[in-house]
């Protein structure tokens, strides 16, 4: 029986690159993949874009409240479904991915962030954590060399804890930086031992 997989990591952990590699491996073995991403992710529009330059056009650019059952024929004719930026999906869309994996017997692999720049779970990530059969953390490093598990937002190169949850990097002078817990506390929360 197929499974729902969640592969998450902080910014710059290679999620989109890994998705494209998995798609390539399926296709190299004459297997059909369906690549999906949310329209909320405006970076690259209908194309997946990785930091190392890899690109791939998506098969479905999913609207915020759109049902995946609209694509039932495409889904039934594929061997795997790969979803980029899964954190932007609605709970109901994650429920559909879980259903597809278990009822249609098609592996579904979702790649995305677990938490936002304030350390809160995204709606899609929360539901993926609740339903996924297998969960894997993709590791990246902080500038200090430790494992980065947090996504810090910068506006005009200054760390911030304000703003909407879903703002894509590169828009409104916003960038994201992967940080370890220690650096997130020091740089974003601006806390020290003396301030506790």
N, C-alpha and C. Protein backbone atom coordinates (compact mmCIF):
# COMPACT_ATOMS: atom_id res chain seq x y z
N UNK A 1 0.84 -1.19 0.00
CA UNK A 1 0.00 0.00 0.00
C UNK A 1 0.88 1.24 0.00
N UNK A 2 0.49 2.23 -0.78
CA UNK A 2 1.24 3.48 -0.88
C UNK A 2 1.13 4.28 0.42
N UNK A 3 2.01 5.26 0.56
CA UNK A 3 2.06 6.08 1.78
C UNK A 3 2.05 7.56 1.44
N UNK A 4 1.76 8.36 2.46
CA UNK A 4 1.92 9.81 2.41
C UNK A 4 3.21 10.13 3.15
N UNK A 5 4.13 10.79 2.46
CA UNK A 5 5.43 11.13 3.02
C UNK A 5 5.54 12.64 3.20
N UNK A 6 6.15 13.07 4.30
CA UNK A 6 6.43 14.48 4.51
C UNK A 6 7.93 14.64 4.68
N UNK A 7 8.54 15.39 3.76
CA UNK A 7 9.96 15.69 3.83
C UNK A 7 10.08 17.19 4.05
N UNK A 8 10.47 17.56 5.27
CA UNK A 8 10.50 18.97 5.63
C UNK A 8 11.91 19.40 6.01
N UNK A 9 12.13 20.68 5.94
CA UNK A 9 13.40 21.24 6.37
C UNK A 9 13.32 22.75 6.35
N UNK A 10 14.29 23.38 6.99
CA UNK A 10 14.37 24.84 6.99
C UNK A 10 14.69 25.33 5.58
N UNK A 11 14.63 26.63 5.40
CA UNK A 11 14.99 27.21 4.12
C UNK A 11 16.38 26.72 3.71
N UNK A 12 16.57 26.52 2.43
CA UNK A 12 17.87 26.13 1.86
C UNK A 12 18.31 24.72 2.23
N UNK A 13 17.36 23.86 2.56
CA UNK A 13 17.72 22.47 2.88
C UNK A 13 17.62 21.56 1.65
N UNK A 14 17.33 22.13 0.49
CA UNK A 14 17.33 21.35 -0.74
C UNK A 14 16.04 20.63 -1.06
N UNK A 15 14.93 21.11 -0.54
CA UNK A 15 13.64 20.43 -0.73
C UNK A 15 13.24 20.36 -2.21
N UNK A 16 13.26 21.50 -2.89
CA UNK A 16 12.86 21.51 -4.31
C UNK A 16 13.84 20.73 -5.17
N UNK A 17 15.12 20.82 -4.84
CA UNK A 17 16.14 20.07 -5.58
C UNK A 17 15.89 18.57 -5.43
N UNK A 18 15.61 18.14 -4.20
CA UNK A 18 15.36 16.72 -3.96
C UNK A 18 14.09 16.26 -4.69
N UNK A 19 13.05 17.09 -4.67
CA UNK A 19 11.83 16.75 -5.39
C UNK A 19 12.14 16.52 -6.88
N UNK A 20 12.90 17.41 -7.48
CA UNK A 20 13.23 17.25 -8.90
C UNK A 20 14.08 16.02 -9.16
N UNK A 21 14.94 15.68 -8.22
CA UNK A 21 15.75 14.46 -8.35
C UNK A 21 14.86 13.23 -8.28
N UNK A 22 13.91 13.22 -7.34
CA UNK A 22 12.99 12.09 -7.22
C UNK A 22 12.15 11.96 -8.49
N UNK A 23 11.67 13.09 -9.02
CA UNK A 23 10.89 13.07 -10.27
C UNK A 23 11.73 12.49 -11.40
N UNK A 24 12.97 12.90 -11.48
CA UNK A 24 13.87 12.40 -12.53
C UNK A 24 14.06 10.89 -12.40
N UNK A 25 14.24 10.41 -11.17
CA UNK A 25 14.44 8.97 -10.95
C UNK A 25 13.22 8.16 -11.38
N UNK A 26 12.03 8.64 -11.06
CA UNK A 26 10.81 7.97 -11.50
C UNK A 26 10.74 7.92 -13.02
N UNK A 27 10.97 9.08 -13.64
CA UNK A 27 10.82 9.18 -15.10
C UNK A 27 11.89 8.39 -15.84
N UNK A 28 13.07 8.31 -15.26
CA UNK A 28 14.14 7.52 -15.87
C UNK A 28 13.75 6.04 -15.93
N UNK A 29 12.86 5.64 -15.04
CA UNK A 29 12.38 4.26 -15.00
C UNK A 29 11.00 4.13 -15.63
N UNK A 30 10.69 5.06 -16.55
CA UNK A 30 9.42 5.04 -17.29
C UNK A 30 8.19 5.07 -16.40
N UNK A 31 8.29 5.81 -15.30
CA UNK A 31 7.17 5.99 -14.39
C UNK A 31 6.69 7.44 -14.51
N UNK A 32 5.39 7.64 -14.42
CA UNK A 32 4.78 8.96 -14.59
C UNK A 32 4.60 9.63 -13.23
N UNK A 33 5.13 10.86 -13.11
CA UNK A 33 4.94 11.63 -11.89
C UNK A 33 4.05 12.83 -12.17
N UNK A 34 3.37 13.26 -11.14
CA UNK A 34 2.54 14.45 -11.20
C UNK A 34 3.14 15.43 -10.19
N UNK A 35 3.62 16.58 -10.68
CA UNK A 35 4.25 17.57 -9.81
C UNK A 35 3.26 18.71 -9.56
N UNK A 36 3.06 19.01 -8.28
CA UNK A 36 2.07 20.01 -7.86
C UNK A 36 2.74 21.06 -6.98
N UNK A 37 2.29 22.29 -7.12
CA UNK A 37 2.65 23.32 -6.14
C UNK A 37 1.49 24.29 -6.01
N UNK A 38 1.46 24.99 -4.89
CA UNK A 38 0.41 25.95 -4.60
C UNK A 38 0.65 27.26 -5.35
N UNK A 39 -0.42 27.90 -5.80
CA UNK A 39 -0.32 29.20 -6.44
C UNK A 39 0.18 30.27 -5.48
N UNK A 40 0.09 30.01 -4.18
CA UNK A 40 0.60 30.97 -3.20
C UNK A 40 2.09 31.18 -3.41
N UNK A 41 2.79 30.13 -3.82
CA UNK A 41 4.23 30.23 -4.11
C UNK A 41 4.41 30.85 -5.49
N UNK A 42 4.57 32.16 -5.52
CA UNK A 42 4.69 32.88 -6.79
C UNK A 42 6.11 32.83 -7.36
N UNK A 43 7.05 32.35 -6.59
CA UNK A 43 8.43 32.24 -7.06
C UNK A 43 8.48 31.23 -8.20
N UNK A 44 8.88 31.67 -9.36
CA UNK A 44 8.96 30.79 -10.51
C UNK A 44 7.63 30.57 -11.21
N UNK A 45 6.56 31.17 -10.68
CA UNK A 45 5.21 31.02 -11.22
C UNK A 45 4.84 29.54 -11.37
N UNK A 46 4.76 29.01 -12.60
CA UNK A 46 4.37 27.60 -12.79
C UNK A 46 5.58 26.68 -12.91
N UNK A 47 6.71 27.13 -12.37
CA UNK A 47 7.96 26.37 -12.46
C UNK A 47 8.59 26.24 -11.08
N UNK A 48 9.09 25.05 -10.77
CA UNK A 48 9.87 24.87 -9.56
C UNK A 48 11.26 25.44 -9.81
N UNK A 49 11.78 26.16 -8.85
CA UNK A 49 13.09 26.78 -8.98
C UNK A 49 13.90 26.43 -7.75
N UNK A 50 15.10 25.90 -7.96
CA UNK A 50 15.97 25.60 -6.81
C UNK A 50 17.13 26.59 -6.79
N UNK A 51 17.74 26.72 -5.62
CA UNK A 51 18.86 27.64 -5.46
C UNK A 51 20.05 27.28 -6.34
N UNK A 52 20.19 25.99 -6.68
CA UNK A 52 21.35 25.58 -7.48
C UNK A 52 21.09 25.65 -8.98
N UNK A 53 19.93 26.20 -9.35
CA UNK A 53 19.66 26.45 -10.76
C UNK A 53 18.75 25.45 -11.46
N UNK A 54 18.39 24.35 -10.79
CA UNK A 54 17.49 23.40 -11.42
C UNK A 54 16.09 23.99 -11.53
N UNK A 55 15.40 23.66 -12.62
CA UNK A 55 14.03 24.12 -12.81
C UNK A 55 13.19 23.01 -13.41
N UNK A 56 11.90 23.06 -13.13
CA UNK A 56 10.98 22.07 -13.69
C UNK A 56 9.57 22.67 -13.67
N UNK A 57 8.90 22.56 -14.78
CA UNK A 57 7.52 23.03 -14.88
C UNK A 57 6.62 22.10 -14.08
N UNK A 58 5.64 22.67 -13.38
CA UNK A 58 4.72 21.85 -12.60
C UNK A 58 3.57 21.39 -13.49
N UNK A 59 2.95 20.30 -13.09
CA UNK A 59 1.79 19.78 -13.82
C UNK A 59 0.50 20.44 -13.35
N UNK A 60 0.45 20.74 -12.04
CA UNK A 60 -0.74 21.37 -11.47
C UNK A 60 -0.29 22.53 -10.58
N UNK A 61 -0.81 23.72 -10.89
CA UNK A 61 -0.62 24.89 -10.06
C UNK A 61 -1.93 25.07 -9.30
N UNK A 62 -1.93 24.68 -8.04
CA UNK A 62 -3.16 24.51 -7.27
C UNK A 62 -3.61 25.81 -6.61
N UNK A 63 -4.86 26.19 -6.87
CA UNK A 63 -5.46 27.34 -6.20
C UNK A 63 -5.63 27.06 -4.72
N UNK A 64 -5.76 28.11 -3.95
CA UNK A 64 -5.80 28.00 -2.49
C UNK A 64 -6.89 27.08 -1.96
N UNK A 65 -8.08 27.15 -2.53
CA UNK A 65 -9.19 26.32 -2.04
C UNK A 65 -9.65 25.28 -3.07
N UNK A 66 -8.81 24.99 -4.03
CA UNK A 66 -9.17 24.06 -5.11
C UNK A 66 -9.04 22.61 -4.65
N UNK A 67 -9.99 21.80 -5.05
CA UNK A 67 -9.95 20.38 -4.72
C UNK A 67 -9.06 19.63 -5.71
N UNK A 68 -8.28 18.71 -5.19
CA UNK A 68 -7.46 17.86 -6.05
C UNK A 68 -8.30 16.89 -6.87
N UNK A 69 -9.51 16.64 -6.44
CA UNK A 69 -10.39 15.71 -7.16
C UNK A 69 -10.75 16.25 -8.55
N UNK A 70 -10.53 17.54 -8.75
CA UNK A 70 -10.71 18.13 -10.08
C UNK A 70 -9.74 17.50 -11.09
N UNK A 71 -8.64 16.97 -10.58
CA UNK A 71 -7.59 16.38 -11.41
C UNK A 71 -7.57 14.86 -11.30
N UNK A 72 -8.70 14.27 -11.00
CA UNK A 72 -8.78 12.84 -10.74
C UNK A 72 -8.20 12.00 -11.88
N UNK A 73 -8.49 12.37 -13.12
CA UNK A 73 -8.00 11.58 -14.25
C UNK A 73 -6.48 11.60 -14.32
N UNK A 74 -5.88 12.79 -14.14
CA UNK A 74 -4.41 12.90 -14.14
C UNK A 74 -3.83 12.10 -12.98
N UNK A 75 -4.47 12.18 -11.84
CA UNK A 75 -3.98 11.48 -10.65
C UNK A 75 -4.00 9.97 -10.86
N UNK A 76 -5.08 9.47 -11.41
CA UNK A 76 -5.20 8.02 -11.61
C UNK A 76 -4.23 7.49 -12.66
N UNK A 77 -3.69 8.38 -13.50
CA UNK A 77 -2.75 7.96 -14.55
C UNK A 77 -1.30 8.22 -14.19
N UNK A 78 -1.00 8.40 -12.90
CA UNK A 78 0.39 8.62 -12.52
C UNK A 78 0.85 7.55 -11.54
N UNK A 79 2.16 7.46 -11.37
CA UNK A 79 2.75 6.49 -10.45
C UNK A 79 3.18 7.11 -9.13
N UNK A 80 3.28 8.43 -9.10
CA UNK A 80 3.64 9.14 -7.87
C UNK A 80 3.24 10.60 -7.98
N UNK A 81 2.92 11.19 -6.84
CA UNK A 81 2.60 12.61 -6.77
C UNK A 81 3.63 13.29 -5.89
N UNK A 82 4.23 14.36 -6.41
CA UNK A 82 5.24 15.12 -5.69
C UNK A 82 4.73 16.54 -5.51
N UNK A 83 4.69 17.01 -4.27
CA UNK A 83 4.13 18.33 -3.97
C UNK A 83 5.21 19.22 -3.37
N UNK A 84 5.47 20.35 -4.01
CA UNK A 84 6.45 21.31 -3.50
C UNK A 84 5.73 22.37 -2.68
N UNK A 85 6.42 22.89 -1.67
CA UNK A 85 5.87 23.94 -0.80
C UNK A 85 4.52 23.51 -0.20
N UNK A 86 4.48 22.29 0.29
CA UNK A 86 3.25 21.68 0.82
C UNK A 86 2.69 22.46 2.00
N UNK A 87 3.52 23.26 2.66
CA UNK A 87 3.04 24.04 3.80
C UNK A 87 1.93 25.01 3.41
N UNK A 88 1.87 25.42 2.13
CA UNK A 88 0.88 26.39 1.68
C UNK A 88 -0.49 25.77 1.38
N UNK A 89 -0.58 24.44 1.41
CA UNK A 89 -1.86 23.79 1.12
C UNK A 89 -2.79 23.90 2.32
N UNK A 90 -4.08 23.84 2.03
CA UNK A 90 -5.10 23.85 3.07
C UNK A 90 -5.21 22.46 3.69
N UNK A 91 -5.75 22.40 4.88
CA UNK A 91 -5.95 21.12 5.57
C UNK A 91 -6.75 20.16 4.70
N UNK A 92 -7.79 20.66 4.05
CA UNK A 92 -8.63 19.80 3.19
C UNK A 92 -7.83 19.23 2.02
N UNK A 93 -6.88 19.99 1.49
CA UNK A 93 -6.05 19.50 0.39
C UNK A 93 -5.08 18.41 0.87
N UNK A 94 -4.57 18.57 2.08
CA UNK A 94 -3.70 17.53 2.66
C UNK A 94 -4.52 16.27 2.91
N UNK A 95 -5.76 16.44 3.38
CA UNK A 95 -6.65 15.29 3.57
C UNK A 95 -6.83 14.54 2.26
N UNK A 96 -6.97 15.27 1.16
CA UNK A 96 -7.12 14.63 -0.16
C UNK A 96 -5.85 13.88 -0.57
N UNK A 97 -4.68 14.44 -0.27
CA UNK A 97 -3.43 13.76 -0.59
C UNK A 97 -3.32 12.44 0.19
N UNK A 98 -3.71 12.48 1.45
CA UNK A 98 -3.70 11.26 2.28
C UNK A 98 -4.66 10.23 1.70
N UNK A 99 -5.82 10.68 1.31
CA UNK A 99 -6.83 9.81 0.70
C UNK A 99 -6.29 9.19 -0.60
N UNK A 100 -5.68 10.01 -1.43
CA UNK A 100 -5.12 9.53 -2.71
C UNK A 100 -4.08 8.43 -2.45
N UNK A 101 -3.20 8.66 -1.48
CA UNK A 101 -2.16 7.67 -1.19
C UNK A 101 -2.78 6.35 -0.76
N UNK A 102 -3.79 6.40 0.10
CA UNK A 102 -4.33 5.17 0.70
C UNK A 102 -5.46 4.53 -0.10
N UNK A 103 -6.22 5.30 -0.83
CA UNK A 103 -7.34 4.73 -1.58
C UNK A 103 -6.95 4.44 -3.03
N UNK A 104 -6.19 5.37 -3.64
CA UNK A 104 -5.76 5.17 -5.03
C UNK A 104 -4.46 4.39 -5.11
N UNK A 105 -3.81 4.17 -3.95
CA UNK A 105 -2.55 3.44 -3.87
C UNK A 105 -1.45 4.10 -4.71
N UNK A 106 -1.34 5.42 -4.56
CA UNK A 106 -0.32 6.21 -5.27
C UNK A 106 0.54 6.90 -4.21
N UNK A 107 1.86 6.67 -4.22
CA UNK A 107 2.71 7.37 -3.26
C UNK A 107 2.62 8.88 -3.45
N UNK A 108 2.51 9.60 -2.33
CA UNK A 108 2.46 11.06 -2.35
C UNK A 108 3.58 11.56 -1.45
N UNK A 109 4.46 12.39 -2.01
CA UNK A 109 5.58 12.94 -1.24
C UNK A 109 5.45 14.45 -1.24
N UNK A 110 5.27 15.01 -0.04
CA UNK A 110 5.16 16.45 0.12
C UNK A 110 6.45 17.02 0.70
N UNK A 111 6.93 18.09 0.08
CA UNK A 111 8.16 18.76 0.52
C UNK A 111 7.79 20.16 0.99
N UNK A 112 8.32 20.58 2.13
CA UNK A 112 8.01 21.93 2.57
C UNK A 112 8.62 22.29 3.91
N UNK A 113 8.26 23.47 4.34
CA UNK A 113 8.67 23.98 5.64
C UNK A 113 7.76 23.43 6.72
N UNK A 114 8.29 23.24 7.90
CA UNK A 114 7.45 22.85 9.03
C UNK A 114 6.89 24.11 9.70
N UNK A 115 7.78 25.05 10.03
CA UNK A 115 7.36 26.25 10.74
C UNK A 115 7.69 27.53 10.00
N UNK A 116 6.97 28.58 10.36
CA UNK A 116 7.17 29.88 9.73
C UNK A 116 8.26 30.67 10.46
N UNK A 117 8.40 31.95 10.12
CA UNK A 117 9.45 32.79 10.69
C UNK A 117 9.21 33.12 12.16
N UNK A 118 8.00 32.82 12.66
CA UNK A 118 7.69 33.03 14.08
C UNK A 118 7.72 31.70 14.85
N UNK A 119 8.13 30.63 14.20
CA UNK A 119 8.22 29.25 14.72
C UNK A 119 6.87 28.57 14.84
N UNK A 120 5.83 29.12 14.22
CA UNK A 120 4.51 28.50 14.23
C UNK A 120 4.36 27.55 13.04
N UNK A 121 3.59 26.48 13.23
CA UNK A 121 3.34 25.56 12.13
C UNK A 121 2.47 26.22 11.07
N UNK A 122 2.74 25.88 9.82
CA UNK A 122 1.84 26.25 8.73
C UNK A 122 0.66 25.28 8.76
N UNK A 123 -0.48 25.70 8.22
CA UNK A 123 -1.66 24.83 8.19
C UNK A 123 -1.38 23.51 7.48
N UNK A 124 -0.76 23.59 6.31
CA UNK A 124 -0.47 22.37 5.54
C UNK A 124 0.53 21.47 6.25
N UNK A 125 1.54 22.06 6.85
CA UNK A 125 2.56 21.28 7.56
C UNK A 125 1.98 20.59 8.79
N UNK A 126 1.12 21.30 9.50
CA UNK A 126 0.48 20.71 10.68
C UNK A 126 -0.29 19.46 10.29
N UNK A 127 -1.06 19.57 9.21
CA UNK A 127 -1.86 18.41 8.79
C UNK A 127 -0.96 17.30 8.26
N UNK A 128 0.13 17.65 7.58
CA UNK A 128 1.08 16.63 7.11
C UNK A 128 1.68 15.89 8.30
N UNK A 129 2.02 16.61 9.37
CA UNK A 129 2.56 15.96 10.56
C UNK A 129 1.54 15.03 11.19
N UNK A 130 0.27 15.39 11.11
CA UNK A 130 -0.79 14.57 11.70
C UNK A 130 -1.08 13.31 10.89
N UNK A 131 -0.99 13.40 9.56
CA UNK A 131 -1.42 12.29 8.71
C UNK A 131 -0.32 11.46 8.06
N UNK A 132 0.87 12.00 7.92
CA UNK A 132 1.91 11.32 7.15
C UNK A 132 2.31 9.99 7.75
N UNK A 133 2.55 9.05 6.86
CA UNK A 133 3.01 7.72 7.27
C UNK A 133 4.50 7.72 7.57
N UNK A 134 5.23 8.58 6.88
CA UNK A 134 6.67 8.71 7.12
C UNK A 134 7.04 10.18 7.07
N UNK A 135 7.85 10.61 8.05
CA UNK A 135 8.27 12.01 8.16
C UNK A 135 9.79 12.04 8.22
N UNK A 136 10.40 12.86 7.35
CA UNK A 136 11.85 12.95 7.28
C UNK A 136 12.27 14.40 7.32
N UNK A 137 13.23 14.71 8.20
CA UNK A 137 13.78 16.06 8.22
C UNK A 137 14.96 16.14 7.25
N UNK A 138 14.94 17.17 6.41
CA UNK A 138 16.06 17.46 5.51
C UNK A 138 16.90 18.52 6.20
N UNK A 139 18.17 18.25 6.36
CA UNK A 139 19.02 19.09 7.20
C UNK A 139 19.80 20.11 6.38
N UNK A 140 19.91 21.30 6.93
CA UNK A 140 20.80 22.33 6.41
C UNK A 140 21.53 22.93 7.60
N UNK A 141 22.46 23.83 7.33
CA UNK A 141 23.23 24.39 8.45
C UNK A 141 23.02 25.89 8.58
N UNK A 142 23.18 26.33 9.80
CA UNK A 142 23.16 27.74 10.17
C UNK A 142 24.53 28.34 9.82
N UNK A 143 24.62 29.64 9.77
CA UNK A 143 25.91 30.29 9.48
C UNK A 143 26.96 29.97 10.54
N UNK A 144 26.51 29.56 11.75
CA UNK A 144 27.46 29.20 12.81
C UNK A 144 27.95 27.76 12.68
N UNK A 145 27.33 26.98 11.78
CA UNK A 145 27.76 25.60 11.56
C UNK A 145 26.86 24.55 12.20
N UNK A 146 25.94 24.97 13.08
CA UNK A 146 25.02 24.02 13.71
C UNK A 146 23.85 23.73 12.77
N UNK A 147 23.09 22.69 13.09
CA UNK A 147 21.91 22.34 12.29
C UNK A 147 20.87 23.45 12.40
N UNK A 148 20.39 23.92 11.26
CA UNK A 148 19.37 24.98 11.22
C UNK A 148 17.99 24.34 11.12
N UNK A 149 17.12 24.71 12.05
CA UNK A 149 15.75 24.19 12.05
C UNK A 149 14.71 25.31 12.04
N UNK A 150 15.17 26.55 12.02
CA UNK A 150 14.27 27.70 12.08
C UNK A 150 14.45 28.58 10.86
N UNK A 151 13.36 29.24 10.47
CA UNK A 151 13.36 30.13 9.31
C UNK A 151 13.17 31.56 9.81
N UNK A 152 14.21 32.36 9.68
CA UNK A 152 14.12 33.75 10.14
C UNK A 152 13.82 34.65 8.95
N UNK A 153 12.95 35.61 9.18
CA UNK A 153 12.61 36.58 8.12
C UNK A 153 13.40 37.85 8.32
N UNK A 154 13.92 38.36 7.20
CA UNK A 154 14.58 39.66 7.19
C UNK A 154 13.82 40.58 6.25
N UNK A 155 13.63 41.82 6.69
CA UNK A 155 13.08 42.87 5.84
C UNK A 155 14.13 43.96 5.79
N UNK A 156 14.56 44.30 4.59
CA UNK A 156 15.66 45.26 4.42
C UNK A 156 16.88 44.84 5.25
N UNK A 157 17.16 43.53 5.22
CA UNK A 157 18.33 42.95 5.90
C UNK A 157 18.26 42.99 7.43
N UNK A 158 17.08 43.29 8.00
CA UNK A 158 16.94 43.28 9.46
C UNK A 158 15.93 42.20 9.85
N UNK A 159 16.27 41.41 10.88
CA UNK A 159 15.36 40.37 11.35
C UNK A 159 14.07 40.99 11.88
N UNK A 160 12.96 40.30 11.64
CA UNK A 160 11.66 40.79 12.09
C UNK A 160 10.76 39.63 12.54
N UNK A 161 9.82 39.95 13.38
CA UNK A 161 8.80 38.99 13.81
C UNK A 161 7.41 39.50 13.43
N UNK A 162 7.34 40.46 12.52
CA UNK A 162 6.05 41.02 12.12
C UNK A 162 5.76 40.70 10.66
N UNK A 163 4.48 40.72 10.35
CA UNK A 163 4.05 40.51 8.97
C UNK A 163 3.21 39.25 8.81
N UNK A 164 2.66 39.12 7.61
CA UNK A 164 1.83 37.97 7.27
C UNK A 164 2.66 36.69 7.25
N UNK A 165 2.00 35.57 7.46
CA UNK A 165 2.72 34.29 7.46
C UNK A 165 3.26 33.94 6.08
N UNK A 166 2.44 34.10 5.05
CA UNK A 166 2.81 33.64 3.71
C UNK A 166 3.28 34.79 2.83
N UNK A 167 4.56 35.13 2.95
CA UNK A 167 5.17 36.11 2.07
C UNK A 167 6.39 35.43 1.45
N UNK A 168 6.43 35.39 0.13
CA UNK A 168 7.49 34.67 -0.58
C UNK A 168 8.77 35.50 -0.58
N UNK A 169 9.90 34.80 -0.39
CA UNK A 169 11.17 35.51 -0.40
C UNK A 169 11.40 36.19 -1.74
N UNK A 170 12.04 37.35 -1.65
CA UNK A 170 12.28 38.13 -2.86
C UNK A 170 11.20 39.18 -3.12
N UNK A 171 10.07 39.10 -2.41
CA UNK A 171 9.03 40.12 -2.55
C UNK A 171 9.08 41.05 -1.35
N UNK A 172 8.77 42.31 -1.57
CA UNK A 172 8.73 43.31 -0.49
C UNK A 172 10.05 43.37 0.27
N UNK A 173 11.18 43.20 -0.41
CA UNK A 173 12.51 43.22 0.22
C UNK A 173 12.65 42.22 1.36
N UNK A 174 11.95 41.09 1.22
CA UNK A 174 11.98 40.05 2.25
C UNK A 174 12.88 38.90 1.81
N UNK A 175 13.72 38.46 2.73
CA UNK A 175 14.53 37.26 2.53
C UNK A 175 14.38 36.39 3.78
N UNK A 176 14.74 35.12 3.63
CA UNK A 176 14.68 34.19 4.75
C UNK A 176 16.04 33.57 4.96
N UNK A 177 16.35 33.30 6.22
CA UNK A 177 17.65 32.76 6.60
C UNK A 177 17.42 31.56 7.50
N UNK A 178 18.06 30.41 7.21
CA UNK A 178 17.95 29.27 8.12
C UNK A 178 18.87 29.48 9.33
N UNK A 179 18.31 29.27 10.53
CA UNK A 179 19.09 29.47 11.76
C UNK A 179 18.93 28.29 12.70
N UNK A 180 19.95 28.06 13.50
CA UNK A 180 19.85 27.09 14.60
C UNK A 180 19.08 27.77 15.73
N UNK A 181 18.73 27.02 16.77
CA UNK A 181 17.97 27.57 17.89
C UNK A 181 18.74 28.69 18.59
N UNK A 182 20.03 28.48 18.83
CA UNK A 182 20.83 29.50 19.52
C UNK A 182 20.85 30.81 18.76
N UNK A 183 21.09 30.74 17.47
CA UNK A 183 21.16 31.96 16.66
C UNK A 183 19.79 32.61 16.52
N UNK A 184 18.71 31.79 16.46
CA UNK A 184 17.37 32.36 16.39
C UNK A 184 17.06 33.15 17.66
N UNK A 185 17.45 32.61 18.80
CA UNK A 185 17.22 33.28 20.08
C UNK A 185 18.01 34.59 20.14
N UNK A 186 19.27 34.53 19.74
CA UNK A 186 20.13 35.72 19.83
C UNK A 186 19.79 36.77 18.78
N UNK A 187 19.61 36.34 17.54
CA UNK A 187 19.46 37.30 16.44
C UNK A 187 18.02 37.77 16.22
N UNK A 188 17.06 36.87 16.38
CA UNK A 188 15.68 37.23 16.08
C UNK A 188 14.93 37.65 17.35
N UNK A 189 15.01 36.82 18.38
CA UNK A 189 14.33 37.15 19.63
C UNK A 189 15.11 38.17 20.45
N UNK A 190 16.41 38.29 20.11
CA UNK A 190 17.33 39.21 20.80
C UNK A 190 17.36 38.98 22.30
N UNK A 191 17.43 37.70 22.65
CA UNK A 191 17.48 37.30 24.06
C UNK A 191 18.90 36.83 24.41
N UNK A 192 19.27 37.07 25.63
CA UNK A 192 20.55 36.58 26.17
C UNK A 192 20.25 35.91 27.51
N UNK A 193 21.26 35.30 28.10
CA UNK A 193 21.06 34.67 29.42
C UNK A 193 20.59 35.71 30.44
N UNK A 194 21.11 36.92 30.32
CA UNK A 194 20.78 37.97 31.27
C UNK A 194 19.33 38.44 31.10
N UNK A 195 18.75 38.28 29.92
CA UNK A 195 17.39 38.80 29.69
C UNK A 195 16.32 37.81 30.10
N UNK A 196 16.71 36.59 30.49
CA UNK A 196 15.70 35.60 30.93
C UNK A 196 15.40 35.78 32.41
